[in-house]
């Protein structure tokens, strides 16, 4: 069975727990921001909650373990309920990835404290591994979701930054962009496009966070 999985079998329960938190907080951040800006669409559909059942997509979650990528259920947003649709759209899209970065900061802080205080030595290795995975996957979601490819948050931000005429063109060809995204993720082309970004930027952020907390502890 392990040969069909993207990660070692013994890490699957830990990764599942990490993603349960990361995906849920990410989608809740979208829903909460939209609600605070005047759009109750997500709230009306029961998405303004930290209950993971309302956010997880079974297929998207399963693919994380098989292909190394996946998704949660997108939060419905009606940007025209915002006082400023473009600014509101950017804030809603941005808050998802930022929530993952905040979780990564929290995870790094806890891990640094446990290590620097010496407490980590007396804790089960499984717990330390959980925090390492917690930081890694939340930084990964932060970076990955900011890529300007549909259907990622980075693409939604780009849509609201460009002039309306350009946005209309982007919407017209969005389905092809989504197809390109899938091709880049599941084919060897990703090694020359997405992977260099992920494997360079993610370690950079993790190392930077570690250095920051090491200086203060």
N, C-alpha and C. Protein backbone atom coordinates (compact mmCIF):
# COMPACT_ATOMS: atom_id res chain seq x y z
N UNK A 1 0.83 -1.21 0.00
CA UNK A 1 0.00 0.00 0.00
C UNK A 1 0.86 1.26 0.00
N UNK A 2 2.00 1.23 0.72
CA UNK A 2 2.83 2.42 0.88
C UNK A 2 3.34 2.95 -0.46
N UNK A 3 3.52 2.05 -1.44
CA UNK A 3 4.05 2.51 -2.72
C UNK A 3 3.05 3.38 -3.47
N UNK A 4 1.79 3.39 -3.05
CA UNK A 4 0.78 4.24 -3.69
C UNK A 4 0.64 5.59 -2.98
N UNK A 5 1.37 5.78 -1.88
CA UNK A 5 1.25 6.99 -1.08
C UNK A 5 2.43 7.92 -1.30
N UNK A 6 2.16 9.20 -1.16
CA UNK A 6 3.19 10.23 -1.37
C UNK A 6 4.11 10.34 -0.16
N UNK A 7 3.62 9.92 1.01
CA UNK A 7 4.39 10.05 2.25
C UNK A 7 4.52 8.70 2.93
N UNK A 8 5.53 8.55 3.82
CA UNK A 8 5.69 7.30 4.57
C UNK A 8 4.42 6.97 5.35
N UNK A 9 4.10 5.70 5.42
CA UNK A 9 2.85 5.27 6.04
C UNK A 9 2.74 5.73 7.49
N UNK A 10 3.86 5.71 8.22
CA UNK A 10 3.81 6.08 9.63
C UNK A 10 3.54 7.57 9.85
N UNK A 11 3.73 8.38 8.80
CA UNK A 11 3.48 9.82 8.93
C UNK A 11 2.03 10.20 8.59
N UNK A 12 1.30 9.29 7.99
CA UNK A 12 -0.05 9.60 7.52
C UNK A 12 -0.96 10.13 8.63
N UNK A 13 -1.03 9.49 9.82
CA UNK A 13 -1.91 10.03 10.87
C UNK A 13 -1.52 11.44 11.30
N UNK A 14 -0.20 11.72 11.37
CA UNK A 14 0.27 13.04 11.77
C UNK A 14 -0.10 14.08 10.71
N UNK A 15 0.14 13.73 9.44
CA UNK A 15 -0.17 14.65 8.35
C UNK A 15 -1.67 14.91 8.28
N UNK A 16 -2.46 13.87 8.50
CA UNK A 16 -3.92 14.02 8.49
C UNK A 16 -4.36 15.01 9.57
N UNK A 17 -3.77 14.89 10.76
CA UNK A 17 -4.12 15.80 11.86
C UNK A 17 -3.70 17.23 11.52
N UNK A 18 -2.51 17.38 10.94
CA UNK A 18 -2.01 18.71 10.56
C UNK A 18 -2.93 19.36 9.52
N UNK A 19 -3.28 18.59 8.49
CA UNK A 19 -4.11 19.13 7.41
C UNK A 19 -5.53 19.42 7.89
N UNK A 20 -6.01 18.63 8.83
CA UNK A 20 -7.32 18.88 9.41
C UNK A 20 -7.38 20.29 10.00
N UNK A 21 -6.32 20.65 10.70
CA UNK A 21 -6.25 21.98 11.31
C UNK A 21 -6.00 23.05 10.24
N UNK A 22 -5.00 22.79 9.38
CA UNK A 22 -4.56 23.79 8.39
C UNK A 22 -5.67 24.15 7.39
N UNK A 23 -6.33 23.12 6.84
CA UNK A 23 -7.41 23.38 5.87
C UNK A 23 -8.58 24.09 6.52
N UNK A 24 -8.93 23.64 7.73
CA UNK A 24 -10.09 24.22 8.42
C UNK A 24 -9.87 25.69 8.74
N UNK A 25 -8.72 26.01 9.29
CA UNK A 25 -8.42 27.40 9.63
C UNK A 25 -8.34 28.26 8.37
N UNK A 26 -7.76 27.72 7.31
CA UNK A 26 -7.64 28.43 6.04
C UNK A 26 -9.01 28.84 5.50
N UNK A 27 -9.92 27.89 5.43
CA UNK A 27 -11.25 28.18 4.89
C UNK A 27 -12.07 29.05 5.84
N UNK A 28 -11.92 28.83 7.13
CA UNK A 28 -12.60 29.68 8.11
C UNK A 28 -12.15 31.13 7.96
N UNK A 29 -10.86 31.33 7.72
CA UNK A 29 -10.32 32.69 7.56
C UNK A 29 -10.96 33.38 6.37
N UNK A 30 -11.14 32.65 5.27
CA UNK A 30 -11.85 33.22 4.11
C UNK A 30 -13.27 33.62 4.49
N UNK A 31 -13.98 32.69 5.13
CA UNK A 31 -15.39 32.91 5.48
C UNK A 31 -15.54 34.06 6.48
N UNK A 32 -14.69 34.08 7.49
CA UNK A 32 -14.79 35.11 8.53
C UNK A 32 -14.50 36.49 7.96
N UNK A 33 -13.46 36.59 7.12
CA UNK A 33 -13.11 37.88 6.52
C UNK A 33 -14.24 38.39 5.64
N UNK A 34 -14.80 37.49 4.82
CA UNK A 34 -15.92 37.88 3.95
C UNK A 34 -17.10 38.37 4.79
N UNK A 35 -17.39 37.67 5.88
CA UNK A 35 -18.52 38.04 6.74
C UNK A 35 -18.30 39.41 7.37
N UNK A 36 -17.09 39.66 7.85
CA UNK A 36 -16.78 40.94 8.48
C UNK A 36 -16.82 42.09 7.48
N UNK A 37 -16.62 41.77 6.20
CA UNK A 37 -16.64 42.81 5.17
C UNK A 37 -18.03 42.99 4.56
N UNK A 38 -19.00 42.20 5.03
CA UNK A 38 -20.38 42.43 4.60
C UNK A 38 -21.01 41.34 3.76
N UNK A 39 -20.28 40.24 3.51
CA UNK A 39 -20.85 39.14 2.71
C UNK A 39 -21.16 37.96 3.62
N UNK A 40 -22.42 37.62 3.76
CA UNK A 40 -22.83 36.52 4.65
C UNK A 40 -23.06 35.21 3.89
N UNK A 41 -22.63 35.15 2.63
CA UNK A 41 -22.86 33.94 1.82
C UNK A 41 -22.31 32.69 2.49
N UNK A 42 -21.06 32.75 2.92
CA UNK A 42 -20.43 31.60 3.57
C UNK A 42 -21.13 31.26 4.88
N UNK A 43 -21.47 32.27 5.65
CA UNK A 43 -22.16 32.05 6.92
C UNK A 43 -23.50 31.38 6.69
N UNK A 44 -24.23 31.83 5.69
CA UNK A 44 -25.55 31.27 5.39
C UNK A 44 -25.47 29.81 4.96
N UNK A 45 -24.32 29.41 4.43
CA UNK A 45 -24.14 28.03 3.99
C UNK A 45 -23.40 27.18 5.03
N UNK A 46 -23.28 27.71 6.24
CA UNK A 46 -22.68 26.94 7.33
C UNK A 46 -21.18 26.82 7.28
N UNK A 47 -20.52 27.75 6.59
CA UNK A 47 -19.06 27.67 6.46
C UNK A 47 -18.31 28.57 7.44
N UNK A 48 -19.04 29.36 8.21
CA UNK A 48 -18.39 30.21 9.21
C UNK A 48 -18.24 29.40 10.50
N UNK A 49 -17.39 28.39 10.43
CA UNK A 49 -17.23 27.45 11.53
C UNK A 49 -15.84 26.84 11.50
N UNK A 50 -15.39 26.38 12.66
CA UNK A 50 -14.10 25.67 12.75
C UNK A 50 -14.32 24.16 12.78
N UNK A 51 -15.53 23.74 12.45
CA UNK A 51 -15.82 22.32 12.33
C UNK A 51 -15.26 21.81 10.99
N UNK A 52 -14.24 20.97 11.00
CA UNK A 52 -13.60 20.53 9.74
C UNK A 52 -14.53 19.81 8.78
N UNK A 53 -15.58 19.21 9.29
CA UNK A 53 -16.51 18.48 8.43
C UNK A 53 -17.10 19.39 7.35
N UNK A 54 -17.26 20.66 7.69
CA UNK A 54 -17.88 21.60 6.75
C UNK A 54 -16.88 22.15 5.72
N UNK A 55 -15.60 21.84 5.90
CA UNK A 55 -14.58 22.42 5.02
C UNK A 55 -13.80 21.40 4.18
N UNK A 56 -13.67 20.19 4.68
CA UNK A 56 -12.83 19.22 3.98
C UNK A 56 -13.52 18.65 2.75
N UNK A 57 -12.75 18.47 1.70
CA UNK A 57 -13.22 17.80 0.49
C UNK A 57 -12.59 16.41 0.48
N UNK A 58 -13.40 15.35 0.50
CA UNK A 58 -12.85 13.98 0.60
C UNK A 58 -11.82 13.66 -0.48
N UNK A 59 -12.12 14.00 -1.73
CA UNK A 59 -11.20 13.69 -2.83
C UNK A 59 -9.94 14.56 -2.73
N UNK A 60 -10.13 15.85 -2.45
CA UNK A 60 -9.00 16.75 -2.33
C UNK A 60 -8.06 16.35 -1.20
N UNK A 61 -8.63 15.89 -0.10
CA UNK A 61 -7.81 15.45 1.03
C UNK A 61 -7.08 14.15 0.71
N UNK A 62 -7.77 13.22 0.07
CA UNK A 62 -7.17 11.94 -0.28
C UNK A 62 -5.99 12.12 -1.24
N UNK A 63 -6.13 13.05 -2.17
CA UNK A 63 -5.07 13.28 -3.15
C UNK A 63 -3.80 13.82 -2.52
N UNK A 64 -3.92 14.49 -1.37
CA UNK A 64 -2.74 14.96 -0.66
C UNK A 64 -1.80 13.78 -0.38
N UNK A 65 -2.39 12.66 0.04
CA UNK A 65 -1.58 11.51 0.43
C UNK A 65 -1.11 10.69 -0.77
N UNK A 66 -1.83 10.80 -1.87
CA UNK A 66 -1.48 10.02 -3.06
C UNK A 66 -0.59 10.80 -4.02
N UNK A 67 -0.98 12.04 -4.30
CA UNK A 67 -0.27 12.85 -5.30
C UNK A 67 0.58 13.96 -4.70
N UNK A 68 0.39 14.24 -3.40
CA UNK A 68 1.17 15.30 -2.77
C UNK A 68 0.53 16.67 -2.88
N UNK A 69 -0.66 16.75 -3.48
CA UNK A 69 -1.39 18.02 -3.53
C UNK A 69 -2.88 17.72 -3.37
N UNK A 70 -3.61 18.74 -2.95
CA UNK A 70 -5.05 18.54 -2.77
C UNK A 70 -5.73 19.85 -2.46
N UNK A 71 -6.93 19.80 -1.94
CA UNK A 71 -7.68 21.03 -1.70
C UNK A 71 -8.79 20.78 -0.69
N UNK A 72 -9.29 21.87 -0.13
CA UNK A 72 -10.47 21.82 0.72
C UNK A 72 -11.64 22.36 -0.11
N UNK A 73 -12.84 22.35 0.45
CA UNK A 73 -13.99 22.90 -0.26
C UNK A 73 -13.87 24.42 -0.29
N UNK A 74 -13.91 25.02 -1.48
CA UNK A 74 -13.80 26.49 -1.56
C UNK A 74 -14.96 27.17 -0.84
N UNK A 75 -14.65 28.25 -0.16
CA UNK A 75 -15.69 29.03 0.52
C UNK A 75 -16.41 29.92 -0.50
N UNK A 76 -17.75 29.88 -0.53
CA UNK A 76 -18.49 30.74 -1.47
C UNK A 76 -18.42 32.19 -1.04
N UNK A 77 -18.09 33.06 -1.97
CA UNK A 77 -17.97 34.49 -1.67
C UNK A 77 -18.65 35.29 -2.77
N UNK A 78 -19.48 36.25 -2.38
CA UNK A 78 -20.08 37.18 -3.33
C UNK A 78 -19.43 38.54 -3.10
N UNK A 79 -18.43 38.86 -3.91
CA UNK A 79 -17.63 40.07 -3.71
C UNK A 79 -18.45 41.34 -3.88
N UNK A 80 -19.61 41.25 -4.53
CA UNK A 80 -20.42 42.45 -4.77
C UNK A 80 -21.19 42.88 -3.53
N UNK A 81 -21.08 42.07 -2.46
CA UNK A 81 -21.64 42.49 -1.18
C UNK A 81 -20.66 43.38 -0.42
N UNK A 82 -19.43 43.47 -0.89
CA UNK A 82 -18.44 44.29 -0.24
C UNK A 82 -18.61 45.76 -0.63
N UNK A 83 -18.28 46.63 0.28
CA UNK A 83 -18.34 48.06 -0.02
C UNK A 83 -17.38 48.40 -1.16
N UNK A 84 -16.21 47.79 -1.11
CA UNK A 84 -15.22 47.91 -2.18
C UNK A 84 -14.91 46.51 -2.68
N UNK A 85 -15.57 46.04 -3.76
CA UNK A 85 -15.43 44.65 -4.21
C UNK A 85 -13.98 44.21 -4.48
N UNK A 86 -13.20 45.08 -5.10
CA UNK A 86 -11.83 44.69 -5.43
C UNK A 86 -10.97 44.54 -4.18
N UNK A 87 -11.03 45.53 -3.29
CA UNK A 87 -10.25 45.46 -2.05
C UNK A 87 -10.75 44.32 -1.18
N UNK A 88 -12.07 44.17 -1.08
CA UNK A 88 -12.64 43.09 -0.29
C UNK A 88 -12.23 41.74 -0.83
N UNK A 89 -12.25 41.60 -2.16
CA UNK A 89 -11.83 40.33 -2.78
C UNK A 89 -10.40 40.00 -2.47
N UNK A 90 -9.52 41.00 -2.52
CA UNK A 90 -8.10 40.78 -2.21
C UNK A 90 -7.91 40.34 -0.76
N UNK A 91 -8.60 41.03 0.16
CA UNK A 91 -8.46 40.71 1.58
C UNK A 91 -8.96 39.30 1.89
N UNK A 92 -10.10 38.93 1.31
CA UNK A 92 -10.66 37.60 1.55
C UNK A 92 -9.71 36.52 1.01
N UNK A 93 -9.20 36.73 -0.19
CA UNK A 93 -8.28 35.75 -0.79
C UNK A 93 -6.98 35.66 0.00
N UNK A 94 -6.50 36.80 0.47
CA UNK A 94 -5.21 36.84 1.16
C UNK A 94 -5.26 36.21 2.54
N UNK A 95 -6.40 36.33 3.22
CA UNK A 95 -6.48 35.87 4.61
C UNK A 95 -6.36 34.36 4.76
N UNK A 96 -6.72 33.60 3.72
CA UNK A 96 -6.54 32.15 3.79
C UNK A 96 -5.08 31.77 3.95
N UNK A 97 -4.22 32.16 2.98
CA UNK A 97 -2.79 31.86 3.11
C UNK A 97 -2.17 32.48 4.36
N UNK A 98 -2.57 33.70 4.70
CA UNK A 98 -1.99 34.34 5.89
C UNK A 98 -2.34 33.59 7.17
N UNK A 99 -3.51 32.96 7.20
CA UNK A 99 -3.89 32.18 8.38
C UNK A 99 -2.95 30.98 8.54
N UNK A 100 -2.54 30.40 7.41
CA UNK A 100 -1.59 29.28 7.47
C UNK A 100 -0.22 29.75 7.92
N UNK A 101 0.16 30.94 7.47
CA UNK A 101 1.46 31.48 7.91
C UNK A 101 1.44 31.77 9.40
N UNK A 102 0.30 32.25 9.91
CA UNK A 102 0.16 32.50 11.34
C UNK A 102 0.27 31.18 12.12
N UNK A 103 -0.35 30.14 11.62
CA UNK A 103 -0.24 28.82 12.26
C UNK A 103 1.21 28.35 12.26
N UNK A 104 1.92 28.60 11.16
CA UNK A 104 3.34 28.21 11.07
C UNK A 104 4.17 28.97 12.11
N UNK A 105 3.85 30.24 12.31
CA UNK A 105 4.56 31.04 13.32
C UNK A 105 4.32 30.46 14.71
N UNK A 106 3.05 30.14 14.99
CA UNK A 106 2.71 29.56 16.30
C UNK A 106 3.42 28.23 16.49
N UNK A 107 3.39 27.38 15.46
CA UNK A 107 4.05 26.08 15.55
C UNK A 107 5.55 26.21 15.75
N UNK A 108 6.18 27.14 15.06
CA UNK A 108 7.62 27.36 15.19
C UNK A 108 7.96 27.86 16.59
N UNK A 109 7.13 28.76 17.11
CA UNK A 109 7.35 29.31 18.45
C UNK A 109 7.29 28.20 19.50
N UNK A 110 6.29 27.34 19.40
CA UNK A 110 6.15 26.24 20.36
C UNK A 110 7.34 25.29 20.25
N UNK A 111 7.70 24.95 19.03
CA UNK A 111 8.81 24.01 18.80
C UNK A 111 10.12 24.60 19.31
N UNK A 112 10.36 25.88 19.03
CA UNK A 112 11.60 26.53 19.48
C UNK A 112 11.67 26.56 21.00
N UNK A 113 10.53 26.85 21.64
CA UNK A 113 10.50 26.88 23.10
C UNK A 113 10.79 25.50 23.69
N UNK A 114 10.18 24.48 23.12
CA UNK A 114 10.39 23.12 23.63
C UNK A 114 11.85 22.69 23.49
N UNK A 115 12.47 23.06 22.38
CA UNK A 115 13.86 22.66 22.13
C UNK A 115 14.82 23.47 22.99
N UNK A 116 14.66 24.79 22.98
CA UNK A 116 15.59 25.67 23.70
C UNK A 116 15.50 25.49 25.21
N UNK A 117 14.32 25.11 25.71
CA UNK A 117 14.15 24.92 27.15
C UNK A 117 14.57 23.54 27.60
N UNK A 118 14.80 22.65 26.64
CA UNK A 118 15.20 21.29 26.97
C UNK A 118 14.05 20.34 27.21
N UNK A 119 12.83 20.87 27.15
CA UNK A 119 11.65 20.04 27.39
C UNK A 119 11.48 18.99 26.29
N UNK A 120 11.89 19.33 25.09
CA UNK A 120 11.70 18.43 23.94
C UNK A 120 12.35 17.07 24.17
N UNK A 121 13.45 17.05 24.90
CA UNK A 121 14.18 15.79 25.13
C UNK A 121 13.36 14.79 25.93
N UNK A 122 12.42 15.28 26.72
CA UNK A 122 11.61 14.38 27.55
C UNK A 122 10.25 14.08 26.93
N UNK A 123 9.99 14.63 25.75
CA UNK A 123 8.70 14.43 25.09
C UNK A 123 8.79 13.30 24.07
N UNK A 124 7.67 12.65 23.75
CA UNK A 124 7.67 11.60 22.72
C UNK A 124 8.14 12.18 21.38
N UNK A 125 9.03 11.51 20.66
CA UNK A 125 9.50 11.99 19.34
C UNK A 125 8.34 12.28 18.39
N UNK A 126 7.24 11.53 18.55
CA UNK A 126 6.08 11.71 17.70
C UNK A 126 5.51 13.13 17.82
N UNK A 127 5.55 13.70 19.01
CA UNK A 127 5.02 15.04 19.23
C UNK A 127 5.89 16.09 18.54
N UNK A 128 7.21 15.90 18.62
CA UNK A 128 8.13 16.83 17.95
C UNK A 128 7.97 16.72 16.45
N UNK A 129 7.77 15.50 15.97
CA UNK A 129 7.56 15.30 14.54
C UNK A 129 6.26 15.99 14.09
N UNK A 130 5.24 15.92 14.94
CA UNK A 130 3.98 16.59 14.62
C UNK A 130 4.19 18.09 14.41
N UNK A 131 4.92 18.72 15.32
CA UNK A 131 5.15 20.16 15.21
C UNK A 131 5.99 20.51 13.97
N UNK A 132 6.97 19.65 13.65
CA UNK A 132 7.76 19.88 12.44
C UNK A 132 6.88 19.81 11.20
N UNK A 133 6.01 18.81 11.14
CA UNK A 133 5.09 18.68 10.01
C UNK A 133 4.07 19.81 10.00
N UNK A 134 3.65 20.23 11.18
CA UNK A 134 2.69 21.32 11.31
C UNK A 134 3.25 22.60 10.68
N UNK A 135 4.50 22.90 11.01
CA UNK A 135 5.15 24.09 10.45
C UNK A 135 5.34 23.94 8.95
N UNK A 136 5.84 22.77 8.53
CA UNK A 136 6.12 22.56 7.11
C UNK A 136 4.88 22.71 6.24
N UNK A 137 3.80 22.03 6.60
CA UNK A 137 2.61 22.04 5.75
C UNK A 137 1.90 23.40 5.77
N UNK A 138 1.97 24.09 6.87
CA UNK A 138 1.33 25.41 6.89
C UNK A 138 2.13 26.42 6.07
N UNK A 139 3.45 26.33 6.10
CA UNK A 139 4.25 27.19 5.22
C UNK A 139 4.02 26.79 3.77
N UNK A 140 3.93 25.49 3.52
CA UNK A 140 3.66 25.01 2.15
C UNK A 140 2.34 25.56 1.63
N UNK A 141 1.29 25.50 2.44
CA UNK A 141 -0.02 26.02 2.02
C UNK A 141 0.02 27.53 1.81
N UNK A 142 0.78 28.21 2.65
CA UNK A 142 0.94 29.66 2.50
C UNK A 142 1.57 30.00 1.15
N UNK A 143 2.68 29.36 0.84
CA UNK A 143 3.41 29.64 -0.41
C UNK A 143 2.62 29.14 -1.62
N UNK A 144 2.15 27.91 -1.55
CA UNK A 144 1.47 27.28 -2.68
C UNK A 144 0.23 28.06 -3.09
N UNK A 145 -0.56 28.47 -2.09
CA UNK A 145 -1.81 29.16 -2.41
C UNK A 145 -1.61 30.56 -2.96
N UNK A 146 -0.42 31.11 -2.83
CA UNK A 146 -0.15 32.44 -3.36
C UNK A 146 0.37 32.40 -4.80
N UNK A 147 0.54 31.20 -5.35
CA UNK A 147 0.93 31.11 -6.75
C UNK A 147 -0.20 31.67 -7.62
N UNK A 148 0.13 32.47 -8.63
CA UNK A 148 -0.92 33.12 -9.44
C UNK A 148 -1.51 32.22 -10.52
N UNK A 149 -1.98 31.05 -10.09
CA UNK A 149 -2.59 30.09 -11.02
C UNK A 149 -3.99 29.73 -10.51
N UNK A 150 -4.98 29.65 -11.41
CA UNK A 150 -6.32 29.24 -10.97
C UNK A 150 -6.30 27.76 -10.59
N UNK A 151 -6.99 27.37 -9.54
CA UNK A 151 -7.97 28.16 -8.76
C UNK A 151 -7.39 28.69 -7.43
N UNK A 152 -6.10 28.90 -7.36
CA UNK A 152 -5.45 29.27 -6.10
C UNK A 152 -5.76 30.71 -5.69
N UNK A 153 -5.53 31.01 -4.41
CA UNK A 153 -5.82 32.34 -3.89
C UNK A 153 -4.97 33.41 -4.58
N UNK A 154 -3.75 33.06 -4.94
CA UNK A 154 -2.90 34.02 -5.62
C UNK A 154 -3.49 34.50 -6.93
N UNK A 155 -4.19 33.62 -7.61
CA UNK A 155 -4.85 33.99 -8.87
C UNK A 155 -6.02 34.93 -8.59
N UNK A 156 -6.77 34.66 -7.53
CA UNK A 156 -7.91 35.53 -7.17
C UNK A 156 -7.42 36.92 -6.79
N UNK A 157 -6.29 36.98 -6.12
CA UNK A 157 -5.71 38.28 -5.76
C UNK A 157 -5.31 39.03 -7.03
N UNK A 158 -4.67 38.30 -7.95
CA UNK A 158 -4.25 38.91 -9.21
C UNK A 158 -5.45 39.43 -9.99
N UNK A 159 -6.55 38.67 -9.98
CA UNK A 159 -7.78 39.09 -10.66
C UNK A 159 -8.27 40.45 -10.18
N UNK A 160 -8.16 40.66 -8.86
CA UNK A 160 -8.67 41.91 -8.29
C UNK A 160 -7.66 43.05 -8.38
N UNK A 161 -6.42 42.73 -8.72
CA UNK A 161 -5.41 43.78 -8.86
C UNK A 161 -5.39 44.38 -10.27
N UNK A 162 -5.75 43.57 -11.26
CA UNK A 162 -5.68 44.03 -12.64
C UNK A 162 -6.93 44.85 -13.00
N UNK A 163 -6.88 45.64 -14.07
CA UNK A 163 -8.06 46.40 -14.52
C UNK A 163 -9.21 45.46 -14.89
N UNK A 164 -10.46 45.95 -14.80
CA UNK A 164 -11.64 45.13 -15.12
C UNK A 164 -11.58 44.48 -16.50
N UNK A 165 -11.03 45.18 -17.48
CA UNK A 165 -10.96 44.61 -18.83
C UNK A 165 -10.05 43.40 -18.87
N UNK A 166 -8.96 43.47 -18.12
CA UNK A 166 -8.03 42.33 -18.05
C UNK A 166 -8.67 41.19 -17.26
N UNK A 167 -9.38 41.55 -16.19
CA UNK A 167 -10.07 40.53 -15.39
C UNK A 167 -11.07 39.74 -16.24
N UNK A 168 -11.77 40.46 -17.12
CA UNK A 168 -12.74 39.80 -17.99
C UNK A 168 -12.05 38.79 -18.90
N UNK A 169 -10.89 39.14 -19.41
CA UNK A 169 -10.12 38.23 -20.26
C UNK A 169 -9.64 37.03 -19.46
N UNK A 170 -9.19 37.28 -18.24
CA UNK A 170 -8.72 36.19 -17.38
C UNK A 170 -9.85 35.21 -17.09
N UNK A 171 -11.04 35.75 -16.81
CA UNK A 171 -12.19 34.90 -16.54
C UNK A 171 -12.53 34.03 -17.75
N UNK A 172 -12.38 34.61 -18.92
CA UNK A 172 -12.69 33.91 -20.17
C UNK A 172 -11.79 32.70 -20.38
N UNK A 173 -10.54 32.82 -19.95
CA UNK A 173 -9.57 31.74 -20.18
C UNK A 173 -9.22 30.98 -18.90
N UNK A 174 -9.99 31.21 -17.84
CA UNK A 174 -9.67 30.61 -16.55
C UNK A 174 -9.67 29.09 -16.58
N UNK A 175 -10.60 28.51 -17.35
CA UNK A 175 -10.68 27.05 -17.41
C UNK A 175 -9.40 26.45 -17.98
N UNK A 176 -8.78 27.16 -18.92
CA UNK A 176 -7.54 26.67 -19.50
C UNK A 176 -6.39 26.83 -18.50
N UNK A 177 -6.48 27.89 -17.69
CA UNK A 177 -5.48 28.08 -16.65
C UNK A 177 -5.56 26.99 -15.60
N UNK A 178 -6.79 26.58 -15.28
CA UNK A 178 -6.97 25.50 -14.31
C UNK A 178 -6.41 24.19 -14.86
N UNK A 179 -6.60 23.96 -16.15
CA UNK A 179 -6.07 22.76 -16.79
C UNK A 179 -4.54 22.80 -16.76
N UNK A 180 -3.97 23.97 -17.03
CA UNK A 180 -2.52 24.13 -16.99
C UNK A 180 -2.00 23.84 -15.59
N UNK A 181 -2.72 24.31 -14.59
CA UNK A 181 -2.32 24.08 -13.21
C UNK A 181 -2.26 22.58 -12.90
N UNK A 182 -3.29 21.85 -13.30
CA UNK A 182 -3.33 20.41 -13.06
C UNK A 182 -2.17 19.71 -13.77
N UNK A 183 -1.90 20.13 -15.01
CA UNK A 183 -0.80 19.54 -15.78
C UNK A 183 0.53 19.78 -15.08
N UNK A 184 0.73 20.99 -14.59
CA UNK A 184 1.98 21.33 -13.92
C UNK A 184 2.17 20.54 -12.62
N UNK A 185 1.05 20.25 -11.97
CA UNK A 185 1.12 19.56 -10.67
C UNK A 185 1.35 18.06 -10.83
N UNK A 186 0.65 17.43 -11.80
CA UNK A 186 0.68 15.97 -11.87
C UNK A 186 1.63 15.41 -12.92
N UNK A 187 2.29 16.27 -13.70
CA UNK A 187 3.24 15.78 -14.71
C UNK A 187 4.66 16.22 -14.35
N UNK A 188 5.66 15.65 -14.99
CA UNK A 188 7.06 16.03 -14.72
C UNK A 188 7.36 17.50 -14.99
N UNK A 189 6.48 18.21 -15.70
CA UNK A 189 6.71 19.64 -15.96
C UNK A 189 6.81 20.43 -14.66
N UNK A 190 6.15 19.91 -13.62
CA UNK A 190 6.19 20.59 -12.33
C UNK A 190 7.60 20.69 -11.77
N UNK A 191 8.48 19.78 -12.16
CA UNK A 191 9.86 19.81 -11.66
C UNK A 191 10.60 21.06 -12.13
N UNK A 192 10.13 21.64 -13.22
CA UNK A 192 10.81 22.80 -13.79
C UNK A 192 10.03 24.11 -13.56
N UNK A 193 8.85 24.01 -12.97
CA UNK A 193 8.02 25.20 -12.78
C UNK A 193 7.66 25.40 -11.31
N UNK A 194 6.71 24.59 -10.83
CA UNK A 194 6.23 24.77 -9.46
C UNK A 194 7.23 24.27 -8.42
N UNK A 195 7.83 23.12 -8.66
CA UNK A 195 8.72 22.52 -7.66
C UNK A 195 9.89 23.42 -7.27
N UNK A 196 10.59 24.06 -8.23
CA UNK A 196 11.69 24.94 -7.82
C UNK A 196 11.25 26.06 -6.88
N UNK A 197 10.04 26.55 -7.09
CA UNK A 197 9.52 27.61 -6.22
C UNK A 197 9.25 27.04 -4.83
N UNK A 198 8.53 25.93 -4.80
CA UNK A 198 8.16 25.32 -3.53
C UNK A 198 9.39 24.90 -2.73
N UNK A 199 10.33 24.22 -3.39
CA UNK A 199 11.48 23.67 -2.68
C UNK A 199 12.55 24.72 -2.37
N UNK A 200 12.35 25.93 -2.86
CA UNK A 200 13.26 27.03 -2.51
C UNK A 200 12.62 27.96 -1.49
N UNK A 201 11.38 28.36 -1.75
CA UNK A 201 10.72 29.35 -0.91
C UNK A 201 10.28 28.76 0.43
N UNK A 202 9.73 27.55 0.43
CA UNK A 202 9.27 26.93 1.68
C UNK A 202 10.40 26.77 2.68
N UNK A 203 11.54 26.15 2.30
CA UNK A 203 12.65 26.06 3.27
C UNK A 203 13.15 27.42 3.74
N UNK A 204 13.12 28.42 2.84
CA UNK A 204 13.56 29.77 3.22
C UNK A 204 12.69 30.32 4.34
N UNK A 205 11.38 30.20 4.22
CA UNK A 205 10.48 30.72 5.24
C UNK A 205 10.63 29.94 6.55
N UNK A 206 10.75 28.63 6.45
CA UNK A 206 10.89 27.81 7.66
C UNK A 206 12.17 28.18 8.40
N UNK A 207 13.28 28.29 7.65
CA UNK A 207 14.56 28.64 8.26
C UNK A 207 14.52 30.04 8.86
N UNK A 208 13.86 30.97 8.17
CA UNK A 208 13.76 32.34 8.67
C UNK A 208 12.97 32.39 9.97
N UNK A 209 11.87 31.65 10.04
CA UNK A 209 11.08 31.61 11.27
C UNK A 209 11.89 31.01 12.41
N UNK A 210 12.62 29.94 12.12
CA UNK A 210 13.44 29.30 13.14
C UNK A 210 14.49 30.26 13.66
N UNK A 211 15.12 31.00 12.76
CA UNK A 211 16.17 31.95 13.16
C UNK A 211 15.61 33.06 14.04
N UNK A 212 14.40 33.54 13.70
CA UNK A 212 13.79 34.61 14.47
C UNK A 212 13.55 34.17 15.91
N UNK A 213 12.96 32.99 16.08
CA UNK A 213 12.65 32.53 17.44
C UNK A 213 13.88 32.07 18.20
N UNK A 214 14.89 31.61 17.48
CA UNK A 214 16.14 31.23 18.15
C UNK A 214 16.82 32.44 18.76
N UNK A 215 16.68 33.59 18.12
CA UNK A 215 17.29 34.82 18.62
C UNK A 215 16.63 35.30 19.90
N UNK A 216 15.34 35.01 20.07
CA UNK A 216 14.60 35.55 21.20
C UNK A 216 14.44 34.57 22.35
N UNK A 217 14.84 33.34 22.12
CA UNK A 217 14.68 32.32 23.19
C UNK A 217 16.04 31.84 23.69
